[in-house]
Amino acid sequence: MELAKSFDPKDIEARWYPAWENAGYFKAGLDTSKQDNFCILLPPPNVTGTLHMGHGFNQTLMDALTRYHRMKGDN
């Protein structure tokens, strides 16, 4: 079996994206019945010098925290 040299997500996303939308994976809303709602501030990129690993690391941390709390059921 020969693998492609690079990954092309078009075929996979075409199959799964409608299922993700129907399941409501991209929907968010404020649940006022819960006392605590999770909130994280995502500031815009602030490039004051040469890009380095810290820029990507910071964005990755914020993304991971948001996804983690969403999977826990936090709003």
PDB file of N, CA and C in Angstrom:
ATOM      1  N   MET A   1       0.839  -1.176   0.000  1.00  0.00           N
ATOM      2  CA  MET A   1       0.000   0.000   0.000  1.00  0.00           C
ATOM      3  C   MET A   1       0.889   1.246   0.000  1.00  0.00           C
ATOM      4  N   GLU A   2       0.619   2.128  -0.927  1.00  0.00           N
ATOM      5  CA  GLU A   2       1.411   3.344  -1.021  1.00  0.00           C
ATOM      6  C   GLU A   2       0.631   4.518  -0.432  1.00  0.00           C
ATOM      7  N   LEU A   3       1.291   5.273   0.427  1.00  0.00           N
ATOM      8  CA  LEU A   3       0.665   6.431   1.049  1.00  0.00           C
ATOM      9  C   LEU A   3       1.016   7.697   0.280  1.00  0.00           C
ATOM     10  N   ALA A   4       0.092   8.638   0.299  1.00  0.00           N
ATOM     11  CA  ALA A   4       0.353   9.925  -0.341  1.00  0.00           C
ATOM     12  C   ALA A   4       1.451  10.667   0.425  1.00  0.00           C
ATOM     13  N   LYS A   5       2.187  11.502  -0.280  1.00  0.00           N
ATOM     14  CA  LYS A   5       3.275  12.235   0.368  1.00  0.00           C
ATOM     15  C   LYS A   5       2.755  13.328   1.294  1.00  0.00           C
ATOM     16  N   SER A   6       1.557  13.808   1.031  1.00  0.00           N
ATOM     17  CA  SER A   6       0.968  14.823   1.910  1.00  0.00           C
ATOM     18  C   SER A   6      -0.510  14.496   2.124  1.00  0.00           C
ATOM     19  N   PHE A   7      -1.043  14.993   3.218  1.00  0.00           N
ATOM     20  CA  PHE A   7      -2.433  14.730   3.583  1.00  0.00           C
ATOM     21  C   PHE A   7      -3.335  15.786   2.959  1.00  0.00           C
ATOM     22  N   ASP A   8      -4.382  15.335   2.299  1.00  0.00           N
ATOM     23  CA  ASP A   8      -5.364  16.243   1.711  1.00  0.00           C
ATOM     24  C   ASP A   8      -6.698  16.001   2.415  1.00  0.00           C
ATOM     25  N   PRO A   9      -7.121  16.914   3.286  1.00  0.00           N
ATOM     26  CA  PRO A   9      -8.311  16.670   4.103  1.00  0.00           C
ATOM     27  C   PRO A   9      -9.639  16.805   3.360  1.00  0.00           C
ATOM     28  N   LYS A  10      -9.630  17.240   2.098  1.00  0.00           N
ATOM     29  CA  LYS A  10     -10.894  17.495   1.397  1.00  0.00           C
ATOM     30  C   LYS A  10     -11.811  16.278   1.365  1.00  0.00           C
ATOM     31  N   ASP A  11     -11.276  15.126   1.043  1.00  0.00           N
ATOM     32  CA  ASP A  11     -12.113  13.926   0.939  1.00  0.00           C
ATOM     33  C   ASP A  11     -12.695  13.529   2.290  1.00  0.00           C
ATOM     34  N   ILE A  12     -11.897  13.572   3.312  1.00  0.00           N
ATOM     35  CA  ILE A  12     -12.361  13.171   4.640  1.00  0.00           C
ATOM     36  C   ILE A  12     -13.354  14.183   5.181  1.00  0.00           C
ATOM     37  N   GLU A  13     -13.054  15.468   5.036  1.00  0.00           N
ATOM     38  CA  GLU A  13     -13.964  16.491   5.547  1.00  0.00           C
ATOM     39  C   GLU A  13     -15.286  16.484   4.797  1.00  0.00           C
ATOM     40  N   ALA A  14     -15.260  16.204   3.512  1.00  0.00           N
ATOM     41  CA  ALA A  14     -16.510  16.152   2.750  1.00  0.00           C
ATOM     42  C   ALA A  14     -17.434  15.083   3.313  1.00  0.00           C
ATOM     43  N   ARG A  15     -16.856  14.026   3.836  1.00  0.00           N
ATOM     44  CA  ARG A  15     -17.662  12.939   4.403  1.00  0.00           C
ATOM     45  C   ARG A  15     -18.137  13.266   5.817  1.00  0.00           C
ATOM     46  N   TRP A  16     -17.256  13.803   6.641  1.00  0.00           N
ATOM     47  CA  TRP A  16     -17.554  13.965   8.063  1.00  0.00           C
ATOM     48  C   TRP A  16     -18.132  15.314   8.457  1.00  0.00           C
ATOM     49  N   TYR A  17     -17.851  16.375   7.716  1.00  0.00           N
ATOM     50  CA  TYR A  17     -18.289  17.710   8.110  1.00  0.00           C
ATOM     51  C   TYR A  17     -19.803  17.813   8.278  1.00  0.00           C
ATOM     52  N   PRO A  18     -20.615  17.283   7.350  1.00  0.00           N
ATOM     53  CA  PRO A  18     -22.073  17.344   7.566  1.00  0.00           C
ATOM     54  C   PRO A  18     -22.505  16.618   8.841  1.00  0.00           C
ATOM     55  N   ALA A  19     -21.865  15.510   9.169  1.00  0.00           N
ATOM     56  CA  ALA A  19     -22.209  14.786  10.398  1.00  0.00           C
ATOM     57  C   ALA A  19     -21.851  15.615  11.623  1.00  0.00           C
ATOM     58  N   TRP A  20     -20.720  16.300  11.579  1.00  0.00           N
ATOM     59  CA  TRP A  20     -20.316  17.150  12.703  1.00  0.00           C
ATOM     60  C   TRP A  20     -21.299  18.304  12.881  1.00  0.00           C
ATOM     61  N   GLU A  21     -21.734  18.897  11.759  1.00  0.00           N
ATOM     62  CA  GLU A  21     -22.696  19.999  11.851  1.00  0.00           C
ATOM     63  C   GLU A  21     -24.034  19.514  12.394  1.00  0.00           C
ATOM     64  N   ASN A  22     -24.509  18.369  11.912  1.00  0.00           N
ATOM     65  CA  ASN A  22     -25.790  17.828  12.384  1.00  0.00           C
ATOM     66  C   ASN A  22     -25.740  17.470  13.864  1.00  0.00           C
ATOM     67  N   ALA A  23     -24.582  17.064  14.352  1.00  0.00           N
ATOM     68  CA  ALA A  23     -24.437  16.710  15.765  1.00  0.00           C
ATOM     69  C   ALA A  23     -24.299  17.953  16.648  1.00  0.00           C
ATOM     70  N   GLY A  24     -24.131  19.131  16.032  1.00  0.00           N
ATOM     71  CA  GLY A  24     -24.027  20.366  16.794  1.00  0.00           C
ATOM     72  C   GLY A  24     -22.664  20.611  17.403  1.00  0.00           C
ATOM     73  N   TYR A  25     -21.628  19.999  16.848  1.00  0.00           N
ATOM     74  CA  TYR A  25     -20.290  20.149  17.416  1.00  0.00           C
ATOM     75  C   TYR A  25     -19.745  21.572  17.324  1.00  0.00           C
ATOM     76  N   PHE A  26     -20.272  22.375  16.414  1.00  0.00           N
ATOM     77  CA  PHE A  26     -19.757  23.732  16.233  1.00  0.00           C
ATOM     78  C   PHE A  26     -20.638  24.783  16.895  1.00  0.00           C
ATOM     79  N   LYS A  27     -21.701  24.353  17.547  1.00  0.00           N
ATOM     80  CA  LYS A  27     -22.625  25.297  18.175  1.00  0.00           C
ATOM     81  C   LYS A  27     -22.205  25.581  19.608  1.00  0.00           C
ATOM     82  N   ALA A  28     -22.317  26.825  19.971  1.00  0.00           N
ATOM     83  CA  ALA A  28     -22.025  27.235  21.341  1.00  0.00           C
ATOM     84  C   ALA A  28     -23.097  28.222  21.762  1.00  0.00           C
ATOM     85  N   GLY A  29     -23.293  28.324  23.027  1.00  0.00           N
ATOM     86  CA  GLY A  29     -24.278  29.272  23.530  1.00  0.00           C
ATOM     87  C   GLY A  29     -24.087  29.443  25.018  1.00  0.00           C
ATOM     88  N   LEU A  30     -24.692  30.444  25.563  1.00  0.00           N
ATOM     89  CA  LEU A  30     -24.586  30.728  26.982  1.00  0.00           C
ATOM     90  C   LEU A  30     -25.705  30.013  27.718  1.00  0.00           C
ATOM     91  N   ASP A  31     -25.347  29.130  28.629  1.00  0.00           N
ATOM     92  CA  ASP A  31     -26.326  28.408  29.445  1.00  0.00           C
ATOM     93  C   ASP A  31     -26.459  29.142  30.770  1.00  0.00           C
ATOM     94  N   THR A  32     -27.510  29.930  30.911  1.00  0.00           N
ATOM     95  CA  THR A  32     -27.673  30.742  32.117  1.00  0.00           C
ATOM     96  C   THR A  32     -28.107  29.922  33.319  1.00  0.00           C
ATOM     97  N   SER A  33     -28.471  28.654  33.104  1.00  0.00           N
ATOM     98  CA  SER A  33     -28.846  27.816  34.245  1.00  0.00           C
ATOM     99  C   SER A  33     -27.614  27.349  35.023  1.00  0.00           C
ATOM    100  N   LYS A  34     -26.450  27.386  34.398  1.00  0.00           N
ATOM    101  CA  LYS A  34     -25.206  27.027  35.078  1.00  0.00           C
ATOM    102  C   LYS A  34     -24.621  28.267  35.733  1.00  0.00           C
ATOM    103  N   GLN A  35     -24.126  28.085  36.936  1.00  0.00           N
ATOM    104  CA  GLN A  35     -23.560  29.223  37.649  1.00  0.00           C
ATOM    105  C   GLN A  35     -22.231  29.665  37.036  1.00  0.00           C
ATOM    106  N   ASP A  36     -21.401  28.707  36.689  1.00  0.00           N
ATOM    107  CA  ASP A  36     -20.090  29.036  36.130  1.00  0.00           C
ATOM    108  C   ASP A  36     -20.031  28.646  34.661  1.00  0.00           C
ATOM    109  N   ASN A  37     -19.700  29.583  33.821  1.00  0.00           N
ATOM    110  CA  ASN A  37     -19.446  29.323  32.415  1.00  0.00           C
ATOM    111  C   ASN A  37     -17.963  29.558  32.168  1.00  0.00           C
ATOM    112  N   PHE A  38     -17.350  28.724  31.326  1.00  0.00           N
ATOM    113  CA  PHE A  38     -15.925  28.861  31.035  1.00  0.00           C
ATOM    114  C   PHE A  38     -15.728  29.956  29.992  1.00  0.00           C
ATOM    115  N   CYS A  39     -14.770  30.799  30.226  1.00  0.00           N
ATOM    116  CA  CYS A  39     -14.469  31.889  29.296  1.00  0.00           C
ATOM    117  C   CYS A  39     -12.955  32.019  29.173  1.00  0.00           C
ATOM    118  N   ILE A  40     -12.494  32.188  27.962  1.00  0.00           N
ATOM    119  CA  ILE A  40     -11.066  32.418  27.725  1.00  0.00           C
ATOM    120  C   ILE A  40     -10.953  33.536  26.696  1.00  0.00           C
ATOM    121  N   LEU A  41     -10.033  34.439  26.928  1.00  0.00           N
ATOM    122  CA  LEU A  41      -9.809  35.537  25.995  1.00  0.00           C
ATOM    123  C   LEU A  41      -8.778  35.112  24.964  1.00  0.00           C
ATOM    124  N   LEU A  42      -9.129  35.246  23.709  1.00  0.00           N
ATOM    125  CA  LEU A  42      -8.215  34.906  22.622  1.00  0.00           C
ATOM    126  C   LEU A  42      -7.780  36.208  21.950  1.00  0.00           C
ATOM    127  N   PRO A  43      -6.675  36.776  22.406  1.00  0.00           N
ATOM    128  CA  PRO A  43      -6.239  38.039  21.802  1.00  0.00           C
ATOM    129  C   PRO A  43      -5.750  37.817  20.377  1.00  0.00           C
ATOM    130  N   PRO A  44      -5.837  38.852  19.568  1.00  0.00           N
ATOM    131  CA  PRO A  44      -5.316  38.708  18.203  1.00  0.00           C
ATOM    132  C   PRO A  44      -3.800  38.555  18.244  1.00  0.00           C
ATOM    133  N   PRO A  45      -3.248  37.964  17.215  1.00  0.00           N
ATOM    134  CA  PRO A  45      -1.790  37.817  17.183  1.00  0.00           C
ATOM    135  C   PRO A  45      -1.118  39.189  17.266  1.00  0.00           C
ATOM    136  N   ASN A  46      -0.111  39.279  18.078  1.00  0.00           N
ATOM    137  CA  ASN A  46       0.610  40.529  18.259  1.00  0.00           C
ATOM    138  C   ASN A  46       2.071  40.277  17.910  1.00  0.00           C
ATOM    139  N   VAL A  47       2.402  40.534  16.690  1.00  0.00           N
ATOM    140  CA  VAL A  47       3.759  40.261  16.230  1.00  0.00           C
ATOM    141  C   VAL A  47       4.589  41.529  16.387  1.00  0.00           C
ATOM    142  N   THR A  48       5.429  41.521  17.391  1.00  0.00           N
ATOM    143  CA  THR A  48       6.297  42.672  17.625  1.00  0.00           C
ATOM    144  C   THR A  48       7.733  42.373  17.229  1.00  0.00           C
ATOM    145  N   GLY A  49       7.942  41.199  16.702  1.00  0.00           N
ATOM    146  CA  GLY A  49       9.283  40.805  16.283  1.00  0.00           C
ATOM    147  C   GLY A  49       9.171  39.584  15.390  1.00  0.00           C
ATOM    148  N   THR A  50      10.242  38.858  15.279  1.00  0.00           N
ATOM    149  CA  THR A  50      10.263  37.650  14.470  1.00  0.00           C
ATOM    150  C   THR A  50       9.409  36.567  15.120  1.00  0.00           C
ATOM    151  N   LEU A  51       8.598  35.904  14.315  1.00  0.00           N
ATOM    152  CA  LEU A  51       7.786  34.812  14.845  1.00  0.00           C
ATOM    153  C   LEU A  51       8.685  33.704  15.384  1.00  0.00           C
ATOM    154  N   HIS A  52       8.263  33.094  16.479  1.00  0.00           N
ATOM    155  CA  HIS A  52       9.026  32.004  17.070  1.00  0.00           C
ATOM    156  C   HIS A  52       8.056  30.985  17.654  1.00  0.00           C
ATOM    157  N   MET A  53       8.580  29.925  18.232  1.00  0.00           N
ATOM    158  CA  MET A  53       7.747  28.831  18.752  1.00  0.00           C
ATOM    159  C   MET A  53       6.775  29.298  19.832  1.00  0.00           C
ATOM    160  N   GLY A  54       7.117  30.334  20.564  1.00  0.00           N
ATOM    161  CA  GLY A  54       6.242  30.834  21.614  1.00  0.00           C
ATOM    162  C   GLY A  54       4.904  31.304  21.083  1.00  0.00           C
ATOM    163  N   HIS A  55       4.888  31.866  19.878  1.00  0.00           N
ATOM    164  CA  HIS A  55       3.630  32.314  19.291  1.00  0.00           C
ATOM    165  C   HIS A  55       2.702  31.121  19.054  1.00  0.00           C
ATOM    166  N   GLY A  56       3.207  30.091  18.430  1.00  0.00           N
ATOM    167  CA  GLY A  56       2.402  28.896  18.178  1.00  0.00           C
ATOM    168  C   GLY A  56       2.029  28.180  19.459  1.00  0.00           C
ATOM    169  N   PHE A  57       2.936  28.146  20.415  1.00  0.00           N
ATOM    170  CA  PHE A  57       2.672  27.475  21.690  1.00  0.00           C
ATOM    171  C   PHE A  57       1.527  28.150  22.430  1.00  0.00           C
ATOM    172  N   ASN A  58       1.526  29.472  22.464  1.00  0.00           N
ATOM    173  CA  ASN A  58       0.469  30.211  23.147  1.00  0.00           C
ATOM    174  C   ASN A  58      -0.891  29.946  22.501  1.00  0.00           C
ATOM    175  N   GLN A  59      -0.955  29.983  21.181  1.00  0.00           N
ATOM    176  CA  GLN A  59      -2.215  29.720  20.483  1.00  0.00           C
ATOM    177  C   GLN A  59      -2.667  28.281  20.720  1.00  0.00           C
ATOM    178  N   THR A  60      -1.730  27.347  20.735  1.00  0.00           N
ATOM    179  CA  THR A  60      -2.055  25.940  20.965  1.00  0.00           C
ATOM    180  C   THR A  60      -2.610  25.731  22.364  1.00  0.00           C
ATOM    181  N   LEU A  61      -2.021  26.381  23.359  1.00  0.00           N
ATOM    182  CA  LEU A  61      -2.532  26.262  24.728  1.00  0.00           C
ATOM    183  C   LEU A  61      -3.964  26.760  24.836  1.00  0.00           C
ATOM    184  N   MET A  62      -4.242  27.914  24.257  1.00  0.00           N
ATOM    185  CA  MET A  62      -5.598  28.464  24.326  1.00  0.00           C
ATOM    186  C   MET A  62      -6.590  27.552  23.614  1.00  0.00           C
ATOM    187  N   ASP A  63      -6.198  27.019  22.469  1.00  0.00           N
ATOM    188  CA  ASP A  63      -7.067  26.113  21.727  1.00  0.00           C
ATOM    189  C   ASP A  63      -7.324  24.838  22.516  1.00  0.00           C
ATOM    190  N   ALA A  64      -6.279  24.270  23.109  1.00  0.00           N
ATOM    191  CA  ALA A  64      -6.424  23.028  23.875  1.00  0.00           C
ATOM    192  C   ALA A  64      -7.308  23.237  25.100  1.00  0.00           C
ATOM    193  N   LEU A  65      -7.128  24.349  25.810  1.00  0.00           N
ATOM    194  CA  LEU A  65      -7.964  24.628  26.979  1.00  0.00           C
ATOM    195  C   LEU A  65      -9.432  24.776  26.595  1.00  0.00           C
ATOM    196  N   THR A  66      -9.692  25.484  25.507  1.00  0.00           N
ATOM    197  CA  THR A  66     -11.065  25.670  25.051  1.00  0.00           C
ATOM    198  C   THR A  66     -11.698  24.333  24.687  1.00  0.00           C
ATOM    199  N   ARG A  67     -10.981  23.507  23.937  1.00  0.00           N
ATOM    200  CA  ARG A  67     -11.520  22.201  23.542  1.00  0.00           C
ATOM    201  C   ARG A  67     -11.721  21.291  24.749  1.00  0.00           C
ATOM    202  N   TYR A  68     -10.800  21.314  25.691  1.00  0.00           N
ATOM    203  CA  TYR A  68     -10.904  20.494  26.896  1.00  0.00           C
ATOM    204  C   TYR A  68     -12.170  20.839  27.676  1.00  0.00           C
ATOM    205  N   HIS A  69     -12.386  22.116  27.915  1.00  0.00           N
ATOM    206  CA  HIS A  69     -13.568  22.521  28.677  1.00  0.00           C
ATOM    207  C   HIS A  69     -14.854  22.239  27.911  1.00  0.00           C
ATOM    208  N   ARG A  70     -14.822  22.371  26.603  1.00  0.00           N
ATOM    209  CA  ARG A  70     -16.005  22.060  25.786  1.00  0.00           C
ATOM    210  C   ARG A  70     -16.332  20.569  25.883  1.00  0.00           C
ATOM    211  N   MET A  71     -15.313  19.714  25.839  1.00  0.00           N
ATOM    212  CA  MET A  71     -15.543  18.266  25.933  1.00  0.00           C
ATOM    213  C   MET A  71     -16.018  17.860  27.319  1.00  0.00           C
ATOM    214  N   LYS A  72     -15.644  18.635  28.348  1.00  0.00           N
ATOM    215  CA  LYS A  72     -16.117  18.359  29.705  1.00  0.00           C
ATOM    216  C   LYS A  72     -17.575  18.753  29.887  1.00  0.00           C
ATOM    217  N   GLY A  73     -18.121  19.477  28.920  1.00  0.00           N
ATOM    218  CA  GLY A  73     -19.503  19.915  29.022  1.00  0.00           C
ATOM    219  C   GLY A  73     -19.646  21.338  29.508  1.00  0.00           C
ATOM    220  N   ASP A  74     -18.514  22.007  29.752  1.00  0.00           N
ATOM    221  CA  ASP A  74     -18.589  23.407  30.148  1.00  0.00           C
ATOM    222  C   ASP A  74     -19.098  24.225  28.973  1.00  0.00           C
ATOM    223  N   ASN A  75     -19.728  25.332  29.305  1.00  0.00           N
ATOM    224  CA  ASN A  75     -20.250  26.192  28.258  1.00  0.00           C
ATOM    225  C   ASN A  75     -19.344  27.383  28.090  1.00  0.00           C
TER     226      ASN A  75
END
